[in-house]
Amino acid sequence: MHFAAFFRSPLNDLEVTIKLYDVSTGRQRLLTAFEQYMDKRGARSLTSQMTLERDQFGVNRNLMMVMESRGKVLAAGRFAIVGQGERFSGQVDFTEEDTKAAED
């Protein structure tokens, strides 16, 4: 995922904290938080990218991304992860080889 944030005033810091919340149920549940480092003080924008692992974030969820500096919210945005989750039928198909191995 690629993202960008544009600040109202120059940021007098070299580090911001990115927090991702699951807001699918209407309540905010923190999923992860990490630091993002700026090139220099006084930056007016930040562009970056990250990978959202399916095992940790799943599919069909509404997420909110919050960018903070020293506890102050600089930017926030919502987005959705859409897709199909794994489906299990409960049926298992065995080959003749599998059944012969079980009989031995």
N, C-alpha and C. Protein backbone atom coordinates (compact mmCIF):
# COMPACT_ATOMS: atom_id res chain seq x y z
N MET A 1 0.85 -1.16 0.00
CA MET A 1 0.00 0.00 0.00
C MET A 1 0.90 1.24 0.00
N HIS A 2 0.62 2.17 -0.87
CA HIS A 2 1.34 3.44 -0.92
C HIS A 2 0.47 4.49 -0.24
N PHE A 3 1.10 5.37 0.51
CA PHE A 3 0.33 6.43 1.17
C PHE A 3 1.12 7.74 1.18
N ALA A 4 0.38 8.83 1.33
CA ALA A 4 0.98 10.16 1.38
C ALA A 4 0.22 11.00 2.40
N ALA A 5 0.94 11.87 3.08
CA ALA A 5 0.33 12.81 4.03
C ALA A 5 0.92 14.19 3.76
N PHE A 6 0.05 15.20 3.81
CA PHE A 6 0.47 16.58 3.60
C PHE A 6 0.13 17.36 4.85
N PHE A 7 1.12 17.99 5.45
CA PHE A 7 0.97 18.66 6.73
C PHE A 7 0.60 20.13 6.54
N ARG A 8 -0.21 20.66 7.46
CA ARG A 8 -0.61 22.07 7.40
C ARG A 8 0.56 23.00 7.63
N SER A 9 1.47 22.57 8.49
CA SER A 9 2.65 23.38 8.76
C SER A 9 3.87 22.46 8.76
N PRO A 10 5.06 23.01 8.57
CA PRO A 10 6.26 22.18 8.54
C PRO A 10 6.41 21.38 9.84
N LEU A 11 6.78 20.13 9.71
CA LEU A 11 6.93 19.25 10.86
C LEU A 11 8.31 19.43 11.47
N ASN A 12 8.35 19.82 12.73
CA ASN A 12 9.62 20.04 13.42
C ASN A 12 10.02 18.77 14.16
N ASP A 13 10.10 17.67 13.43
CA ASP A 13 10.47 16.38 14.02
C ASP A 13 11.02 15.50 12.91
N LEU A 14 11.74 14.46 13.30
CA LEU A 14 12.29 13.52 12.32
C LEU A 14 11.55 12.19 12.32
N GLU A 15 10.56 12.05 13.21
CA GLU A 15 9.88 10.77 13.35
C GLU A 15 8.38 10.98 13.53
N VAL A 16 7.60 10.14 12.87
CA VAL A 16 6.15 10.10 13.08
C VAL A 16 5.78 8.65 13.39
N THR A 17 4.67 8.47 14.06
CA THR A 17 4.17 7.14 14.38
C THR A 17 2.94 6.86 13.53
N ILE A 18 2.95 5.73 12.88
CA ILE A 18 1.81 5.28 12.07
C ILE A 18 1.08 4.22 12.89
N LYS A 19 -0.24 4.40 13.04
CA LYS A 19 -1.06 3.42 13.76
C LYS A 19 -2.19 2.98 12.84
N LEU A 20 -2.42 1.67 12.80
CA LEU A 20 -3.51 1.11 12.02
C LEU A 20 -4.53 0.50 12.98
N TYR A 21 -5.79 0.95 12.83
CA TYR A 21 -6.88 0.47 13.68
C TYR A 21 -7.89 -0.27 12.81
N ASP A 22 -8.47 -1.33 13.37
CA ASP A 22 -9.62 -1.98 12.74
C ASP A 22 -10.86 -1.26 13.26
N VAL A 23 -11.64 -0.69 12.35
CA VAL A 23 -12.87 0.04 12.74
C VAL A 23 -14.10 -0.63 12.13
N SER A 24 -13.98 -1.90 11.78
CA SER A 24 -15.07 -2.63 11.13
C SER A 24 -16.31 -2.74 12.02
N THR A 25 -16.12 -2.84 13.32
CA THR A 25 -17.24 -3.04 14.23
C THR A 25 -17.75 -1.72 14.82
N GLY A 26 -17.15 -0.61 14.43
CA GLY A 26 -17.55 0.67 14.99
C GLY A 26 -16.65 1.11 16.14
N ARG A 27 -15.91 0.18 16.70
CA ARG A 27 -14.94 0.49 17.76
C ARG A 27 -13.54 0.44 17.16
N GLN A 28 -12.64 1.21 17.72
CA GLN A 28 -11.25 1.22 17.24
C GLN A 28 -10.46 0.16 17.98
N ARG A 29 -9.87 -0.77 17.22
CA ARG A 29 -9.00 -1.79 17.80
C ARG A 29 -7.65 -1.66 17.13
N LEU A 30 -6.62 -1.33 17.91
CA LEU A 30 -5.27 -1.13 17.38
C LEU A 30 -4.73 -2.46 16.85
N LEU A 31 -4.31 -2.46 15.59
CA LEU A 31 -3.72 -3.65 14.98
C LEU A 31 -2.20 -3.61 15.01
N THR A 32 -1.64 -2.45 14.69
CA THR A 32 -0.19 -2.32 14.67
C THR A 32 0.19 -0.84 14.76
N ALA A 33 1.41 -0.60 15.17
CA ALA A 33 1.97 0.76 15.22
C ALA A 33 3.46 0.65 14.90
N PHE A 34 3.95 1.61 14.14
CA PHE A 34 5.38 1.61 13.81
C PHE A 34 5.83 3.04 13.54
N GLU A 35 7.13 3.25 13.60
CA GLU A 35 7.71 4.57 13.37
C GLU A 35 8.10 4.71 11.91
N GLN A 36 7.92 5.92 11.43
CA GLN A 36 8.34 6.29 10.07
C GLN A 36 9.27 7.49 10.22
N TYR A 37 10.43 7.44 9.60
CA TYR A 37 11.42 8.50 9.77
C TYR A 37 11.43 9.44 8.58
N MET A 38 11.54 10.72 8.88
CA MET A 38 11.56 11.77 7.86
C MET A 38 12.99 12.00 7.39
N ASP A 39 13.13 12.57 6.19
CA ASP A 39 14.45 12.89 5.65
C ASP A 39 15.10 14.05 6.40
N LYS A 40 14.27 15.03 6.78
CA LYS A 40 14.80 16.23 7.45
C LYS A 40 13.67 16.91 8.24
N ARG A 41 14.05 17.76 9.15
CA ARG A 41 13.08 18.57 9.88
C ARG A 41 12.47 19.60 8.93
N GLY A 42 11.24 20.00 9.23
CA GLY A 42 10.60 21.01 8.41
C GLY A 42 9.89 20.46 7.19
N ALA A 43 9.76 19.14 7.12
CA ALA A 43 9.08 18.53 5.96
C ALA A 43 7.60 18.91 5.98
N ARG A 44 7.03 19.08 4.81
CA ARG A 44 5.61 19.42 4.69
C ARG A 44 4.78 18.24 4.19
N SER A 45 5.47 17.14 3.84
CA SER A 45 4.74 15.97 3.37
C SER A 45 5.57 14.71 3.64
N LEU A 46 4.88 13.59 3.55
CA LEU A 46 5.52 12.29 3.72
C LEU A 46 4.86 11.32 2.75
N THR A 47 5.65 10.62 1.97
CA THR A 47 5.15 9.55 1.13
C THR A 47 5.92 8.29 1.47
N SER A 48 5.22 7.18 1.50
CA SER A 48 5.86 5.92 1.86
C SER A 48 4.99 4.77 1.39
N GLN A 49 5.40 3.57 1.73
CA GLN A 49 4.64 2.38 1.39
C GLN A 49 4.82 1.34 2.48
N MET A 50 3.87 0.41 2.54
CA MET A 50 3.96 -0.69 3.48
C MET A 50 3.19 -1.88 2.90
N THR A 51 3.47 -3.04 3.41
CA THR A 51 2.77 -4.25 3.00
C THR A 51 1.90 -4.72 4.15
N LEU A 52 0.62 -4.95 3.86
CA LEU A 52 -0.32 -5.45 4.85
C LEU A 52 -0.43 -6.96 4.66
N GLU A 53 0.12 -7.71 5.58
CA GLU A 53 0.11 -9.17 5.48
C GLU A 53 -1.29 -9.71 5.73
N ARG A 54 -1.73 -10.58 4.86
CA ARG A 54 -3.08 -11.15 4.94
C ARG A 54 -3.32 -11.87 6.27
N ASP A 55 -2.31 -12.56 6.79
CA ASP A 55 -2.46 -13.29 8.05
C ASP A 55 -2.78 -12.36 9.21
N GLN A 56 -2.20 -11.17 9.22
CA GLN A 56 -2.39 -10.23 10.32
C GLN A 56 -3.62 -9.34 10.12
N PHE A 57 -3.88 -8.92 8.90
CA PHE A 57 -4.94 -7.93 8.65
C PHE A 57 -6.22 -8.54 8.08
N GLY A 58 -6.13 -9.69 7.44
CA GLY A 58 -7.32 -10.34 6.91
C GLY A 58 -7.92 -9.60 5.72
N VAL A 59 -9.19 -9.91 5.42
CA VAL A 59 -9.90 -9.27 4.32
C VAL A 59 -11.27 -8.80 4.80
N ASN A 60 -11.88 -7.97 3.99
CA ASN A 60 -13.21 -7.42 4.28
C ASN A 60 -13.25 -6.70 5.63
N ARG A 61 -12.31 -5.81 5.79
CA ARG A 61 -12.21 -5.01 7.02
C ARG A 61 -12.10 -3.54 6.66
N ASN A 62 -12.59 -2.72 7.55
CA ASN A 62 -12.43 -1.27 7.43
C ASN A 62 -11.32 -0.87 8.39
N LEU A 63 -10.32 -0.18 7.86
CA LEU A 63 -9.18 0.23 8.67
C LEU A 63 -9.07 1.74 8.70
N MET A 64 -8.47 2.24 9.76
CA MET A 64 -8.16 3.65 9.87
C MET A 64 -6.66 3.77 10.13
N MET A 65 -6.03 4.63 9.36
CA MET A 65 -4.61 4.90 9.51
C MET A 65 -4.46 6.27 10.13
N VAL A 66 -3.69 6.34 11.22
CA VAL A 66 -3.47 7.59 11.94
C VAL A 66 -1.97 7.86 11.98
N MET A 67 -1.60 9.09 11.67
CA MET A 67 -0.20 9.51 11.72
C MET A 67 -0.06 10.52 12.85
N GLU A 68 0.83 10.23 13.80
CA GLU A 68 1.01 11.09 14.96
C GLU A 68 2.46 11.54 15.10
N SER A 69 2.63 12.69 15.72
CA SER A 69 3.95 13.17 16.09
C SER A 69 3.86 13.65 17.53
N ARG A 70 4.61 12.98 18.39
CA ARG A 70 4.62 13.31 19.83
C ARG A 70 3.21 13.31 20.42
N GLY A 71 2.39 12.34 20.01
CA GLY A 71 1.05 12.20 20.53
C GLY A 71 -0.01 13.06 19.87
N LYS A 72 0.39 13.96 18.97
CA LYS A 72 -0.55 14.83 18.28
C LYS A 72 -0.89 14.22 16.91
N VAL A 73 -2.18 14.11 16.60
CA VAL A 73 -2.61 13.54 15.32
C VAL A 73 -2.34 14.55 14.20
N LEU A 74 -1.55 14.11 13.21
CA LEU A 74 -1.22 14.95 12.06
C LEU A 74 -2.14 14.68 10.88
N ALA A 75 -2.50 13.42 10.71
CA ALA A 75 -3.33 13.03 9.58
C ALA A 75 -4.02 11.72 9.92
N ALA A 76 -5.19 11.51 9.32
CA ALA A 76 -5.92 10.26 9.50
C ALA A 76 -6.74 9.99 8.24
N GLY A 77 -6.92 8.74 7.95
CA GLY A 77 -7.72 8.36 6.80
C GLY A 77 -8.25 6.95 6.97
N ARG A 78 -9.36 6.67 6.32
CA ARG A 78 -9.98 5.36 6.39
C ARG A 78 -9.93 4.70 5.02
N PHE A 79 -9.81 3.38 5.03
CA PHE A 79 -9.83 2.60 3.80
C PHE A 79 -10.33 1.20 4.12
N ALA A 80 -10.66 0.46 3.08
CA ALA A 80 -11.18 -0.90 3.25
C ALA A 80 -10.27 -1.90 2.55
N ILE A 81 -10.13 -3.06 3.16
CA ILE A 81 -9.45 -4.18 2.54
C ILE A 81 -10.56 -5.12 2.09
N VAL A 82 -10.67 -5.33 0.79
CA VAL A 82 -11.72 -6.21 0.27
C VAL A 82 -11.08 -7.43 -0.38
N GLY A 83 -11.80 -8.52 -0.35
CA GLY A 83 -11.31 -9.75 -0.94
C GLY A 83 -12.11 -10.93 -0.47
N GLN A 84 -11.68 -12.10 -0.86
CA GLN A 84 -12.34 -13.32 -0.44
C GLN A 84 -11.46 -14.04 0.56
N GLY A 85 -12.06 -14.41 1.67
CA GLY A 85 -11.34 -15.19 2.67
C GLY A 85 -11.26 -16.64 2.25
N GLU A 86 -10.49 -17.41 2.97
CA GLU A 86 -10.37 -18.83 2.67
C GLU A 86 -11.69 -19.51 2.96
N ARG A 87 -12.05 -20.45 2.11
CA ARG A 87 -13.28 -21.21 2.29
C ARG A 87 -12.94 -22.68 2.45
N PHE A 88 -13.55 -23.30 3.43
CA PHE A 88 -13.34 -24.72 3.67
C PHE A 88 -14.68 -25.43 3.57
N SER A 89 -14.74 -26.50 2.76
CA SER A 89 -16.00 -27.21 2.56
C SER A 89 -16.21 -28.30 3.60
N GLY A 90 -15.14 -28.75 4.23
CA GLY A 90 -15.26 -29.86 5.17
C GLY A 90 -15.08 -31.21 4.49
N GLN A 91 -14.97 -31.22 3.18
CA GLN A 91 -14.78 -32.46 2.45
C GLN A 91 -13.30 -32.67 2.18
N VAL A 92 -12.91 -33.93 2.25
CA VAL A 92 -11.53 -34.31 1.97
C VAL A 92 -11.56 -35.38 0.90
N ASP A 93 -10.76 -35.22 -0.11
CA ASP A 93 -10.67 -36.22 -1.18
C ASP A 93 -9.35 -36.97 -1.04
N PHE A 94 -9.47 -38.31 -0.91
CA PHE A 94 -8.28 -39.14 -0.80
C PHE A 94 -8.07 -39.85 -2.12
N THR A 95 -6.82 -39.97 -2.53
CA THR A 95 -6.49 -40.72 -3.73
C THR A 95 -6.38 -42.20 -3.36
N GLU A 96 -6.35 -43.06 -4.36
CA GLU A 96 -6.18 -44.50 -4.09
C GLU A 96 -4.88 -44.75 -3.34
N GLU A 97 -3.85 -43.99 -3.69
CA GLU A 97 -2.56 -44.13 -3.04
C GLU A 97 -2.67 -43.84 -1.54
N ASP A 98 -3.42 -42.78 -1.19
CA ASP A 98 -3.62 -42.42 0.22
C ASP A 98 -4.32 -43.54 0.99
N THR A 99 -5.35 -44.14 0.38
CA THR A 99 -6.10 -45.19 1.09
C THR A 99 -5.30 -46.47 1.21
N LYS A 100 -4.50 -46.79 0.21
CA LYS A 100 -3.65 -47.99 0.28
C LYS A 100 -2.59 -47.82 1.37
N ALA A 101 -2.03 -46.61 1.49
CA ALA A 101 -1.00 -46.35 2.51
C ALA A 101 -1.60 -46.49 3.90
N ALA A 102 -2.87 -46.12 4.06
CA ALA A 102 -3.53 -46.21 5.36
C ALA A 102 -3.83 -47.64 5.74
N GLU A 103 -4.07 -48.52 4.76
CA GLU A 103 -4.38 -49.91 5.03
C GLU A 103 -3.14 -50.69 5.43
N ASP A 104 -1.96 -50.25 5.00
CA ASP A 104 -0.70 -50.98 5.29
C ASP A 104 -0.25 -50.78 6.68
